[in-house]
Protein backbone atom coordinates (compact mmCIF):
# COMPACT_ATOMS: atom_id res chain seq x y z
CA MET A 1 73.47 87.66 120.81
CA GLN A 2 72.11 88.01 117.30
CA ARG A 3 73.44 85.69 114.65
CA ARG A 4 73.31 88.46 112.05
CA SER A 5 75.69 90.76 113.89
CA ARG A 6 78.22 92.50 111.68
CA LEU A 7 80.59 93.12 114.61
CA PHE A 8 83.07 90.75 116.16
CA ILE A 9 86.02 91.01 118.53
CA ILE A 10 89.61 89.88 117.95
CA THR A 11 91.98 89.51 120.92
CA ASP A 12 95.75 89.95 120.56
CA ARG A 13 97.45 86.89 122.08
CA VAL A 14 100.56 88.88 123.05
CA THR A 15 99.14 92.11 124.51
CA ARG A 16 95.72 90.61 125.42
CA LYS A 17 94.08 93.70 123.93
CA SER A 18 90.71 93.28 122.22
CA TYR A 19 89.80 95.02 118.96
CA LEU A 20 86.29 95.61 117.64
CA ILE A 21 85.93 94.78 113.93
CA ASP A 22 83.02 96.36 112.05
CA ALA A 23 82.36 94.40 108.85
CA GLY A 24 79.83 97.01 107.74
CA ALA A 25 82.28 99.91 107.83
CA ASP A 26 84.43 100.99 104.91
CA VAL A 27 87.55 100.36 107.01
CA SER A 28 88.60 99.62 110.60
CA VAL A 29 91.47 101.21 112.52
CA VAL A 30 93.82 99.81 115.16
CA PRO A 31 96.33 101.58 117.45
CA ALA A 32 99.76 102.18 115.97
CA SER A 33 102.73 100.16 117.16
CA PHE A 34 106.16 101.62 117.95
CA ALA A 35 107.43 100.41 114.56
CA ASP A 36 104.54 102.19 112.81
CA ILE A 37 105.34 105.44 114.61
CA LYS A 38 109.02 105.25 113.61
CA ARG A 39 108.02 104.65 109.99
CA GLY A 40 106.18 107.96 109.82
CA PRO A 41 102.76 109.05 108.53
CA SER A 42 101.09 107.55 105.48
CA THR A 43 99.44 109.38 102.59
CA TYR A 44 96.31 107.30 103.17
CA LYS A 45 93.58 109.29 104.98
CA LEU A 46 90.19 108.55 106.54
CA TYR A 47 87.24 110.67 107.61
CA ALA A 48 85.17 110.26 110.78
CA ALA A 49 81.39 110.57 110.95
CA ASN A 50 81.74 114.34 111.58
CA ASP A 51 84.04 114.67 108.51
CA THR A 52 87.13 115.10 110.69
CA GLU A 53 90.28 114.01 108.87
CA ILE A 54 92.14 111.07 110.44
CA HIS A 55 95.85 110.71 109.74
CA LEU A 56 97.16 107.16 109.48
CA LEU A 57 100.60 105.57 109.79
CA GLY A 58 99.93 102.71 107.36
CA LYS A 59 97.35 100.23 106.14
CA LEU A 60 96.85 96.47 106.24
CA HIS A 61 94.94 94.11 103.96
CA LEU A 62 92.69 92.33 106.49
CA LEU A 63 89.44 90.63 105.49
CA PRO A 64 86.63 89.99 108.02
CA ASP A 65 84.96 86.58 107.62
CA LEU A 66 81.75 86.68 109.68
CA LYS A 67 80.59 83.23 108.58
CA ASN A 68 83.66 81.53 110.05
CA ARG A 69 84.14 84.24 112.73
CA ARG A 70 87.73 85.01 111.82
CA LEU A 71 89.96 87.82 110.53
CA LEU A 72 91.99 86.87 107.45
CA ASP A 73 95.24 88.49 106.32
CA GLY A 74 94.95 88.95 102.56
CA VAL A 75 98.75 88.90 102.12
CA THR A 76 99.94 86.06 104.35
CA LEU A 77 96.56 84.23 104.41
CA LEU A 78 96.97 83.79 108.17
CA SER A 79 93.77 84.02 110.20
CA ALA A 80 92.69 84.73 113.78
CA LYS A 81 89.50 83.53 115.44
CA GLY A 82 87.07 86.05 116.93
CA ARG A 83 83.66 86.23 118.57
CA LEU A 84 80.49 88.03 117.51
CA THR A 85 79.19 90.98 119.51
CA ASN A 86 76.33 93.49 119.47
CA GLN A 87 78.35 96.52 120.59
CA THR A 88 77.92 99.83 118.82
CA ALA A 89 80.66 101.24 116.61
CA ASN A 90 81.28 104.68 115.12
CA GLY A 91 81.49 104.56 111.35
CA LEU A 92 84.58 105.54 109.37
CA ARG A 93 84.55 106.55 105.72
CA ILE A 94 87.17 106.65 103.02
CA VAL A 95 85.41 109.58 101.32
CA ASN A 96 84.98 113.03 102.85
CA GLY A 97 81.31 113.76 103.54
CA SER A 98 81.65 117.26 102.04
CA SER A 99 83.31 115.99 98.87
CA PRO A 100 81.38 116.83 95.66
CA TYR A 101 82.05 113.28 94.44
CA ARG A 102 80.39 111.59 97.43
CA CYS A 103 77.00 111.26 95.71
CA ILE A 104 78.60 109.80 92.60
CA LEU A 105 80.57 107.23 94.60
CA ALA A 106 77.44 106.35 96.60
CA GLU A 107 75.70 105.58 93.30
CA PHE A 108 78.49 103.14 92.37
CA PRO A 109 79.51 101.43 95.66
CA GLU A 110 81.47 98.73 93.85
CA VAL A 111 84.17 101.33 93.08
CA THR A 112 85.22 101.70 96.73
CA LYS A 113 84.49 98.16 97.93
CA PRO A 114 86.61 95.07 97.25
CA LEU A 115 85.48 92.99 94.28
CA THR A 116 84.73 89.33 94.91
CA ALA A 117 84.06 86.59 92.40
CA SER A 118 80.74 85.80 94.13
CA THR A 119 79.28 88.95 92.57
CA LYS A 120 77.07 88.07 89.62
CA THR A 121 78.26 89.48 86.30
CA ARG A 122 75.91 91.66 84.28
CA HIS A 123 77.14 90.54 80.87
CA ASN A 124 77.62 87.38 78.82
CA VAL A 125 81.18 88.12 77.70
CA VAL A 126 83.59 85.20 78.09
CA HIS A 127 87.28 84.84 77.28
CA ARG A 128 88.64 81.82 75.45
CA ILE A 129 92.23 80.74 74.88
CA ILE A 130 92.43 78.97 71.52
CA THR A 131 95.43 76.66 71.18
CA ASN A 132 97.02 74.47 68.51
CA GLY A 133 98.23 70.92 68.98
CA ASN A 134 98.06 68.69 72.02
CA PRO A 135 97.24 69.94 75.53
CA VAL A 136 100.15 71.47 77.44
CA VAL A 137 101.15 69.18 80.30
CA ALA A 138 103.63 69.77 83.13
CA LYS A 139 104.85 66.98 85.40
CA ALA A 140 103.98 67.21 89.07
CA ARG A 141 106.88 68.09 91.33
CA ARG A 142 107.18 68.23 95.10
CA LEU A 143 107.36 71.59 96.89
CA ASP A 144 109.28 72.02 100.11
CA PRO A 145 107.05 72.35 103.23
CA PRO A 146 107.01 76.20 103.52
CA LYS A 147 106.15 76.67 99.84
CA TYR A 148 103.56 73.88 99.93
CA ALA A 149 101.85 75.36 103.00
CA ALA A 150 101.73 78.83 101.42
CA ALA A 151 100.38 77.47 98.12
CA LYS A 152 97.74 75.38 99.90
CA LYS A 153 96.48 78.36 101.90
CA GLU A 154 96.39 80.52 98.78
CA PHE A 155 94.29 78.04 96.79
CA GLU A 156 91.97 77.38 99.75
CA TYR A 157 91.40 81.13 100.01
CA MET A 158 90.68 81.45 96.27
CA LEU A 159 88.24 78.53 96.45
CA GLU A 160 86.39 80.19 99.34
CA GLN A 161 86.19 83.50 97.48
CA GLY A 162 85.08 81.84 94.24
CA VAL A 163 88.15 83.06 92.35
CA CYS A 164 88.95 79.53 91.13
CA ARG A 165 87.29 76.12 91.08
CA PRO A 166 88.41 72.48 90.68
CA SER A 167 89.04 71.51 87.07
CA LYS A 168 89.41 68.26 85.13
CA SER A 169 91.16 69.96 82.24
CA GLN A 170 94.08 68.15 80.61
CA TYR A 171 96.09 71.37 80.60
CA THR A 172 98.55 71.80 83.46
CA ASN A 173 101.17 74.47 84.12
CA ARG A 174 104.06 74.61 86.54
CA LEU A 175 103.51 76.39 89.82
CA ARG A 176 106.39 78.51 91.06
CA MET A 177 106.58 80.05 94.53
CA VAL A 178 108.75 83.16 94.82
CA PRO A 179 109.54 85.22 97.96
CA LYS A 180 107.62 88.46 98.23
CA ASN A 181 109.59 91.61 99.03
CA ALA A 182 112.55 89.60 100.38
CA THR A 183 110.44 88.35 103.31
CA CYS A 184 109.26 84.96 104.50
CA TYR A 185 106.02 85.33 102.53
CA TRP A 186 105.58 83.40 99.29
CA ARG A 187 103.73 84.44 96.16
CA ARG A 188 102.40 81.99 93.58
CA CYS A 189 103.47 82.42 89.96
CA GLY A 190 102.36 80.32 87.02
CA ASP A 191 104.80 79.33 84.28
CA TYR A 192 102.78 79.88 81.10
CA ARG A 193 105.62 79.95 78.57
CA GLN A 194 104.74 76.58 77.09
CA LEU A 195 101.05 77.48 76.91
CA ASN A 196 101.81 80.81 75.25
CA ARG A 197 103.75 79.05 72.51
CA THR A 198 100.67 77.02 71.54
CA ALA A 199 98.02 79.73 72.04
CA LYS A 200 96.71 81.85 69.19
CA PRO A 201 97.21 85.60 69.72
CA ASP A 202 94.08 87.59 70.63
């Protein structure tokens, strides 16, 4: 098995079905569940290698992590372990091959691919927040276990992606965890009211 394989397999623990994940494809598809079928078709469409239109019932925000051999849910930050493979896979595209805009999008691949902080910037523009007075400080407070676990996973994910980094700044803001879409998922929200009162307008 080659170490540079872009394919790996995820096995469903409930149904014991295995799914082939192609990290080099624009997207991957999985069979619809009964709940997906009841929900009805989605407006999101894909195109096969022969430009045949594929109708979908929904979409998920799943991120393949080949280095750690896992599939990461970008919403819940839950992950599932997989194994690398050298099987062949048919490519799927999010742009119709006969579309007049295909050549333009191929020239700018960053438009259709997710942006990560590991990408080097091509400019020297930086943003500064100029404040007046002493640094804004918020006292540390304990989060209940579900909120703490969700916040920890979120920050670990952002550290891995290079979105944030450890800081020794004297400025601290309160972290609030709010439920997302009335579900058991939590979303992080920063309380920047005190910082905004001391910051100079742009």
